[in-house]
Amino acid sequence: MLDMITGTPCLNCEDFAADARYGNFCSKECHREYEGFEEMTKAEVHDLYFADGRKLGMGVAEAITFADDAVRMFF
């Protein structure tokens, strides 16, 4: 689980380390509270998480699964 911590501050609360499972946020709740997230489409969320997965060094198949899981988690 600790390998999922990115070391960057959460975009919403800035108090905790961002967690790779939630993009640049520390938790699912912070992600939902973030301004503008409500207006994102499923495709935009998928693209955001695909890019994050690739930045974390995932292969294409892993990054797609990561992004698909994010869409299911938030919608």
PDB file of N, CA and C in Angstrom:
ATOM      1  N   MET A   1       0.812  -1.185   0.000  1.00  0.00           N
ATOM      2  CA  MET A   1       0.000   0.000   0.000  1.00  0.00           C
ATOM      3  C   MET A   1       0.866   1.264   0.000  1.00  0.00           C
ATOM      4  N   LEU A   2       1.971   1.230   0.726  1.00  0.00           N
ATOM      5  CA  LEU A   2       2.814   2.410   0.783  1.00  0.00           C
ATOM      6  C   LEU A   2       3.424   2.759  -0.564  1.00  0.00           C
ATOM      7  N   ASP A   3       3.541   1.783  -1.453  1.00  0.00           N
ATOM      8  CA  ASP A   3       4.096   2.075  -2.768  1.00  0.00           C
ATOM      9  C   ASP A   3       3.148   2.916  -3.614  1.00  0.00           C
ATOM     10  N   MET A   4       1.909   3.076  -3.170  1.00  0.00           N
ATOM     11  CA  MET A   4       0.940   3.877  -3.913  1.00  0.00           C
ATOM     12  C   MET A   4       1.056   5.372  -3.573  1.00  0.00           C
ATOM     13  N   ILE A   5       1.753   5.726  -2.474  1.00  0.00           N
ATOM     14  CA  ILE A   5       1.914   7.124  -2.093  1.00  0.00           C
ATOM     15  C   ILE A   5       2.892   7.778  -3.066  1.00  0.00           C
ATOM     16  N   THR A   6       2.475   8.908  -3.647  1.00  0.00           N
ATOM     17  CA  THR A   6       3.298   9.548  -4.671  1.00  0.00           C
ATOM     18  C   THR A   6       4.267  10.570  -4.103  1.00  0.00           C
ATOM     19  N   GLY A   7       4.016  11.052  -2.884  1.00  0.00           N
ATOM     20  CA  GLY A   7       4.883  12.058  -2.288  1.00  0.00           C
ATOM     21  C   GLY A   7       4.520  13.478  -2.668  1.00  0.00           C
ATOM     22  N   THR A   8       3.505  13.649  -3.497  1.00  0.00           N
ATOM     23  CA  THR A   8       3.056  14.989  -3.859  1.00  0.00           C
ATOM     24  C   THR A   8       1.844  15.354  -3.015  1.00  0.00           C
ATOM     25  N   PRO A   9       1.612  16.650  -2.774  1.00  0.00           N
ATOM     26  CA  PRO A   9       0.457  17.034  -1.958  1.00  0.00           C
ATOM     27  C   PRO A   9      -0.858  16.818  -2.702  1.00  0.00           C
ATOM     28  N   CYS A  10      -1.884  16.533  -1.943  1.00  0.00           N
ATOM     29  CA  CYS A  10      -3.235  16.372  -2.493  1.00  0.00           C
ATOM     30  C   CYS A  10      -3.677  17.696  -3.106  1.00  0.00           C
ATOM     31  N   LEU A  11      -4.300  17.661  -4.273  1.00  0.00           N
ATOM     32  CA  LEU A  11      -4.758  18.886  -4.930  1.00  0.00           C
ATOM     33  C   LEU A  11      -5.905  19.556  -4.186  1.00  0.00           C
ATOM     34  N   ASN A  12      -6.623  18.803  -3.372  1.00  0.00           N
ATOM     35  CA  ASN A  12      -7.774  19.364  -2.674  1.00  0.00           C
ATOM     36  C   ASN A  12      -7.400  19.904  -1.298  1.00  0.00           C
ATOM     37  N   CYS A  13      -6.886  19.066  -0.424  1.00  0.00           N
ATOM     38  CA  CYS A  13      -6.629  19.487   0.958  1.00  0.00           C
ATOM     39  C   CYS A  13      -5.179  19.871   1.218  1.00  0.00           C
ATOM     40  N   GLU A  14      -4.257  19.414   0.399  1.00  0.00           N
ATOM     41  CA  GLU A  14      -2.824  19.698   0.490  1.00  0.00           C
ATOM     42  C   GLU A  14      -2.193  19.254   1.806  1.00  0.00           C
ATOM     43  N   ASP A  15      -2.920  18.476   2.621  1.00  0.00           N
ATOM     44  CA  ASP A  15      -2.400  18.056   3.915  1.00  0.00           C
ATOM     45  C   ASP A  15      -1.746  16.685   3.891  1.00  0.00           C
ATOM     46  N   PHE A  16      -2.117  15.857   2.947  1.00  0.00           N
ATOM     47  CA  PHE A  16      -1.634  14.480   2.929  1.00  0.00           C
ATOM     48  C   PHE A  16      -0.940  14.179   1.608  1.00  0.00           C
ATOM     49  N   ALA A  17      -0.149  13.146   1.606  1.00  0.00           N
ATOM     50  CA  ALA A  17       0.495  12.719   0.364  1.00  0.00           C
ATOM     51  C   ALA A  17      -0.557  12.162  -0.585  1.00  0.00           C
ATOM     52  N   ALA A  18      -0.446  12.512  -1.839  1.00  0.00           N
ATOM     53  CA  ALA A  18      -1.379  11.992  -2.840  1.00  0.00           C
ATOM     54  C   ALA A  18      -1.179  10.485  -2.984  1.00  0.00           C
ATOM     55  N   ASP A  19      -2.247   9.800  -3.297  1.00  0.00           N
ATOM     56  CA  ASP A  19      -2.244   8.346  -3.439  1.00  0.00           C
ATOM     57  C   ASP A  19      -2.436   8.025  -4.917  1.00  0.00           C
ATOM     58  N   ALA A  20      -1.605   7.185  -5.478  1.00  0.00           N
ATOM     59  CA  ALA A  20      -1.662   6.874  -6.911  1.00  0.00           C
ATOM     60  C   ALA A  20      -3.014   6.315  -7.327  1.00  0.00           C
ATOM     61  N   ARG A  21      -3.723   5.659  -6.417  1.00  0.00           N
ATOM     62  CA  ARG A  21      -5.034   5.111  -6.763  1.00  0.00           C
ATOM     63  C   ARG A  21      -6.061   6.202  -7.025  1.00  0.00           C
ATOM     64  N   TYR A  22      -5.817   7.408  -6.519  1.00  0.00           N
ATOM     65  CA  TYR A  22      -6.765   8.508  -6.673  1.00  0.00           C
ATOM     66  C   TYR A  22      -6.174   9.653  -7.483  1.00  0.00           C
ATOM     67  N   GLY A  23      -5.201   9.393  -8.300  1.00  0.00           N
ATOM     68  CA  GLY A  23      -4.584  10.445  -9.096  1.00  0.00           C
ATOM     69  C   GLY A  23      -3.775  11.360  -8.199  1.00  0.00           C
ATOM     70  N   ASN A  24      -4.051  12.633  -8.220  1.00  0.00           N
ATOM     71  CA  ASN A  24      -3.304  13.598  -7.409  1.00  0.00           C
ATOM     72  C   ASN A  24      -4.060  13.983  -6.146  1.00  0.00           C
ATOM     73  N   PHE A  25      -4.807  13.048  -5.597  1.00  0.00           N
ATOM     74  CA  PHE A  25      -5.598  13.295  -4.395  1.00  0.00           C
ATOM     75  C   PHE A  25      -5.256  12.262  -3.334  1.00  0.00           C
ATOM     76  N   CYS A  26      -5.502  12.601  -2.055  1.00  0.00           N
ATOM     77  CA  CYS A  26      -5.162  11.673  -0.976  1.00  0.00           C
ATOM     78  C   CYS A  26      -6.255  10.641  -0.735  1.00  0.00           C
ATOM     79  N   SER A  27      -7.473  10.934  -1.172  1.00  0.00           N
ATOM     80  CA  SER A  27      -8.571  10.002  -0.933  1.00  0.00           C
ATOM     81  C   SER A  27      -9.668  10.186  -1.972  1.00  0.00           C
ATOM     82  N   LYS A  28     -10.569   9.233  -2.007  1.00  0.00           N
ATOM     83  CA  LYS A  28     -11.720   9.289  -2.908  1.00  0.00           C
ATOM     84  C   LYS A  28     -12.576  10.520  -2.593  1.00  0.00           C
ATOM     85  N   GLU A  29     -12.730  10.823  -1.297  1.00  0.00           N
ATOM     86  CA  GLU A  29     -13.543  11.966  -0.882  1.00  0.00           C
ATOM     87  C   GLU A  29     -12.940  13.283  -1.373  1.00  0.00           C
ATOM     88  N   CYS A  30     -11.626  13.430  -1.228  1.00  0.00           N
ATOM     89  CA  CYS A  30     -10.972  14.652  -1.704  1.00  0.00           C
ATOM     90  C   CYS A  30     -11.123  14.789  -3.214  1.00  0.00           C
ATOM     91  N   HIS A  31     -11.039  13.683  -3.927  1.00  0.00           N
ATOM     92  CA  HIS A  31     -11.185  13.731  -5.378  1.00  0.00           C
ATOM     93  C   HIS A  31     -12.573  14.239  -5.755  1.00  0.00           C
ATOM     94  N   ARG A  32     -13.591  13.736  -5.066  1.00  0.00           N
ATOM     95  CA  ARG A  32     -14.964  14.156  -5.367  1.00  0.00           C
ATOM     96  C   ARG A  32     -15.213  15.608  -5.005  1.00  0.00           C
ATOM     97  N   GLU A  33     -14.559  16.096  -3.950  1.00  0.00           N
ATOM     98  CA  GLU A  33     -14.754  17.478  -3.512  1.00  0.00           C
ATOM     99  C   GLU A  33     -14.033  18.484  -4.398  1.00  0.00           C
ATOM    100  N   TYR A  34     -13.031  18.022  -5.112  1.00  0.00           N
ATOM    101  CA  TYR A  34     -12.197  18.930  -5.893  1.00  0.00           C
ATOM    102  C   TYR A  34     -13.028  19.706  -6.911  1.00  0.00           C
ATOM    103  N   GLU A  35     -12.803  21.001  -6.949  1.00  0.00           N
ATOM    104  CA  GLU A  35     -13.558  21.869  -7.850  1.00  0.00           C
ATOM    105  C   GLU A  35     -13.379  21.441  -9.302  1.00  0.00           C
ATOM    106  N   GLY A  36     -14.461  21.280 -10.001  1.00  0.00           N
ATOM    107  CA  GLY A  36     -14.418  20.921 -11.407  1.00  0.00           C
ATOM    108  C   GLY A  36     -14.539  19.438 -11.678  1.00  0.00           C
ATOM    109  N   PHE A  37     -14.283  18.593 -10.672  1.00  0.00           N
ATOM    110  CA  PHE A  37     -14.353  17.155 -10.909  1.00  0.00           C
ATOM    111  C   PHE A  37     -15.757  16.731 -11.303  1.00  0.00           C
ATOM    112  N   GLU A  38     -16.760  17.338 -10.668  1.00  0.00           N
ATOM    113  CA  GLU A  38     -18.150  16.968 -10.943  1.00  0.00           C
ATOM    114  C   GLU A  38     -18.493  17.148 -12.421  1.00  0.00           C
ATOM    115  N   GLU A  39     -17.829  18.094 -13.067  1.00  0.00           N
ATOM    116  CA  GLU A  39     -18.149  18.394 -14.458  1.00  0.00           C
ATOM    117  C   GLU A  39     -17.369  17.540 -15.453  1.00  0.00           C
ATOM    118  N   MET A  40     -16.443  16.730 -14.962  1.00  0.00           N
ATOM    119  CA  MET A  40     -15.654  15.898 -15.867  1.00  0.00           C
ATOM    120  C   MET A  40     -16.492  14.742 -16.401  1.00  0.00           C
ATOM    121  N   THR A  41     -16.256  14.400 -17.640  1.00  0.00           N
ATOM    122  CA  THR A  41     -16.937  13.249 -18.226  1.00  0.00           C
ATOM    123  C   THR A  41     -16.155  11.983 -17.895  1.00  0.00           C
ATOM    124  N   LYS A  42     -16.776  10.850 -18.120  1.00  0.00           N
ATOM    125  CA  LYS A  42     -16.094   9.572 -17.893  1.00  0.00           C
ATOM    126  C   LYS A  42     -14.849   9.459 -18.767  1.00  0.00           C
ATOM    127  N   ALA A  43     -14.936   9.942 -19.998  1.00  0.00           N
ATOM    128  CA  ALA A  43     -13.786   9.874 -20.908  1.00  0.00           C
ATOM    129  C   ALA A  43     -12.631  10.729 -20.393  1.00  0.00           C
ATOM    130  N   GLU A  44     -12.943  11.910 -19.847  1.00  0.00           N
ATOM    131  CA  GLU A  44     -11.892  12.780 -19.311  1.00  0.00           C
ATOM    132  C   GLU A  44     -11.223  12.149 -18.096  1.00  0.00           C
ATOM    133  N   VAL A  45     -12.029  11.539 -17.227  1.00  0.00           N
ATOM    134  CA  VAL A  45     -11.475  10.859 -16.056  1.00  0.00           C
ATOM    135  C   VAL A  45     -10.597   9.699 -16.506  1.00  0.00           C
ATOM    136  N   HIS A  46     -11.067   8.934 -17.487  1.00  0.00           N
ATOM    137  CA  HIS A  46     -10.292   7.804 -18.005  1.00  0.00           C
ATOM    138  C   HIS A  46      -8.951   8.291 -18.552  1.00  0.00           C
ATOM    139  N   ASP A  47      -8.971   9.350 -19.354  1.00  0.00           N
ATOM    140  CA  ASP A  47      -7.739   9.875 -19.946  1.00  0.00           C
ATOM    141  C   ASP A  47      -6.770  10.372 -18.875  1.00  0.00           C
ATOM    142  N   LEU A  48      -7.303  11.034 -17.842  1.00  0.00           N
ATOM    143  CA  LEU A  48      -6.475  11.535 -16.746  1.00  0.00           C
ATOM    144  C   LEU A  48      -5.780  10.387 -16.028  1.00  0.00           C
ATOM    145  N   TYR A  49      -6.527   9.350 -15.700  1.00  0.00           N
ATOM    146  CA  TYR A  49      -5.951   8.223 -14.979  1.00  0.00           C
ATOM    147  C   TYR A  49      -5.048   7.367 -15.862  1.00  0.00           C
ATOM    148  N   PHE A  50      -5.343   7.282 -17.148  1.00  0.00           N
ATOM    149  CA  PHE A  50      -4.444   6.563 -18.053  1.00  0.00           C
ATOM    150  C   PHE A  50      -3.080   7.249 -18.052  1.00  0.00           C
ATOM    151  N   ALA A  51      -3.096   8.584 -18.158  1.00  0.00           N
ATOM    152  CA  ALA A  51      -1.837   9.343 -18.147  1.00  0.00           C
ATOM    153  C   ALA A  51      -1.110   9.154 -16.823  1.00  0.00           C
ATOM    154  N   ASP A  52      -1.846   9.166 -15.706  1.00  0.00           N
ATOM    155  CA  ASP A  52      -1.227   8.953 -14.393  1.00  0.00           C
ATOM    156  C   ASP A  52      -0.614   7.557 -14.302  1.00  0.00           C
ATOM    157  N   GLY A  53      -1.307   6.563 -14.821  1.00  0.00           N
ATOM    158  CA  GLY A  53      -0.783   5.202 -14.802  1.00  0.00           C
ATOM    159  C   GLY A  53       0.505   5.087 -15.588  1.00  0.00           C
ATOM    160  N   ARG A  54       0.553   5.750 -16.728  1.00  0.00           N
ATOM    161  CA  ARG A  54       1.766   5.716 -17.551  1.00  0.00           C
ATOM    162  C   ARG A  54       2.916   6.422 -16.829  1.00  0.00           C
ATOM    163  N   LYS A  55       2.605   7.525 -16.116  1.00  0.00           N
ATOM    164  CA  LYS A  55       3.645   8.235 -15.363  1.00  0.00           C
ATOM    165  C   LYS A  55       4.207   7.363 -14.249  1.00  0.00           C
ATOM    166  N   LEU A  56       3.388   6.472 -13.717  1.00  0.00           N
ATOM    167  CA  LEU A  56       3.825   5.573 -12.652  1.00  0.00           C
ATOM    168  C   LEU A  56       4.604   4.376 -13.198  1.00  0.00           C
ATOM    169  N   GLY A  57       4.812   4.349 -14.515  1.00  0.00           N
ATOM    170  CA  GLY A  57       5.608   3.292 -15.115  1.00  0.00           C
ATOM    171  C   GLY A  57       4.821   2.042 -15.463  1.00  0.00           C
ATOM    172  N   MET A  58       3.514   2.144 -15.503  1.00  0.00           N
ATOM    173  CA  MET A  58       2.692   0.989 -15.867  1.00  0.00           C
ATOM    174  C   MET A  58       2.753   0.772 -17.371  1.00  0.00           C
ATOM    175  N   GLY A  59       2.593  -0.469 -17.772  1.00  0.00           N
ATOM    176  CA  GLY A  59       2.458  -0.779 -19.182  1.00  0.00           C
ATOM    177  C   GLY A  59       1.082  -0.332 -19.662  1.00  0.00           C
ATOM    178  N   VAL A  60       0.849  -0.389 -20.951  1.00  0.00           N
ATOM    179  CA  VAL A  60      -0.420   0.073 -21.514  1.00  0.00           C
ATOM    180  C   VAL A  60      -1.604  -0.688 -20.919  1.00  0.00           C
ATOM    181  N   ALA A  61      -1.525  -2.009 -20.855  1.00  0.00           N
ATOM    182  CA  ALA A  61      -2.639  -2.808 -20.329  1.00  0.00           C
ATOM    183  C   ALA A  61      -2.914  -2.476 -18.863  1.00  0.00           C
ATOM    184  N   GLU A  62      -1.847  -2.315 -18.065  1.00  0.00           N
ATOM    185  CA  GLU A  62      -2.023  -1.965 -16.653  1.00  0.00           C
ATOM    186  C   GLU A  62      -2.638  -0.584 -16.512  1.00  0.00           C
ATOM    187  N   ALA A  63      -2.169   0.374 -17.313  1.00  0.00           N
ATOM    188  CA  ALA A  63      -2.675   1.744 -17.234  1.00  0.00           C
ATOM    189  C   ALA A  63      -4.139   1.813 -17.651  1.00  0.00           C
ATOM    190  N   ILE A  64      -4.529   1.023 -18.653  1.00  0.00           N
ATOM    191  CA  ILE A  64      -5.935   0.982 -19.070  1.00  0.00           C
ATOM    192  C   ILE A  64      -6.793   0.424 -17.943  1.00  0.00           C
ATOM    193  N   THR A  65      -6.348  -0.651 -17.308  1.00  0.00           N
ATOM    194  CA  THR A  65      -7.086  -1.238 -16.188  1.00  0.00           C
ATOM    195  C   THR A  65      -7.187  -0.244 -15.043  1.00  0.00           C
ATOM    196  N   PHE A  66      -6.100   0.445 -14.743  1.00  0.00           N
ATOM    197  CA  PHE A  66      -6.054   1.470 -13.698  1.00  0.00           C
ATOM    198  C   PHE A  66      -7.089   2.557 -13.990  1.00  0.00           C
ATOM    199  N   ALA A  67      -7.130   3.021 -15.239  1.00  0.00           N
ATOM    200  CA  ALA A  67      -8.071   4.063 -15.638  1.00  0.00           C
ATOM    201  C   ALA A  67      -9.513   3.555 -15.604  1.00  0.00           C
ATOM    202  N   ASP A  68      -9.741   2.339 -16.064  1.00  0.00           N
ATOM    203  CA  ASP A  68     -11.088   1.756 -16.026  1.00  0.00           C
ATOM    204  C   ASP A  68     -11.589   1.643 -14.589  1.00  0.00           C
ATOM    205  N   ASP A  69     -10.703   1.228 -13.684  1.00  0.00           N
ATOM    206  CA  ASP A  69     -11.070   1.119 -12.268  1.00  0.00           C
ATOM    207  C   ASP A  69     -11.425   2.484 -11.689  1.00  0.00           C
ATOM    208  N   ALA A  70     -10.691   3.514 -12.085  1.00  0.00           N
ATOM    209  CA  ALA A  70     -10.968   4.867 -11.598  1.00  0.00           C
ATOM    210  C   ALA A  70     -12.346   5.337 -12.046  1.00  0.00           C
ATOM    211  N   VAL A  71     -12.695   5.062 -13.285  1.00  0.00           N
ATOM    212  CA  VAL A  71     -14.013   5.466 -13.785  1.00  0.00           C
ATOM    213  C   VAL A  71     -15.112   4.757 -12.998  1.00  0.00           C
ATOM    214  N   ARG A  72     -14.932   3.455 -12.758  1.00  0.00           N
ATOM    215  CA  ARG A  72     -15.933   2.710 -11.978  1.00  0.00           C
ATOM    216  C   ARG A  72     -16.033   3.238 -10.547  1.00  0.00           C
ATOM    217  N   MET A  73     -14.907   3.658  -9.990  1.00  0.00           N
ATOM    218  CA  MET A  73     -14.874   4.123  -8.613  1.00  0.00           C
ATOM    219  C   MET A  73     -15.627   5.448  -8.447  1.00  0.00           C
ATOM    220  N   PHE A  74     -15.520   6.320  -9.425  1.00  0.00           N
ATOM    221  CA  PHE A  74     -16.057   7.662  -9.267  1.00  0.00           C
ATOM    222  C   PHE A  74     -17.399   7.909  -9.946  1.00  0.00           C
ATOM    223  N   PHE A  75     -17.883   6.961 -10.734  1.00  0.00           N
ATOM    224  CA  PHE A  75     -19.167   7.202 -11.407  1.00  0.00           C
ATOM    225  C   PHE A  75     -20.173   6.141 -11.076  1.00  0.00           C
TER     226      PHE A  75
END
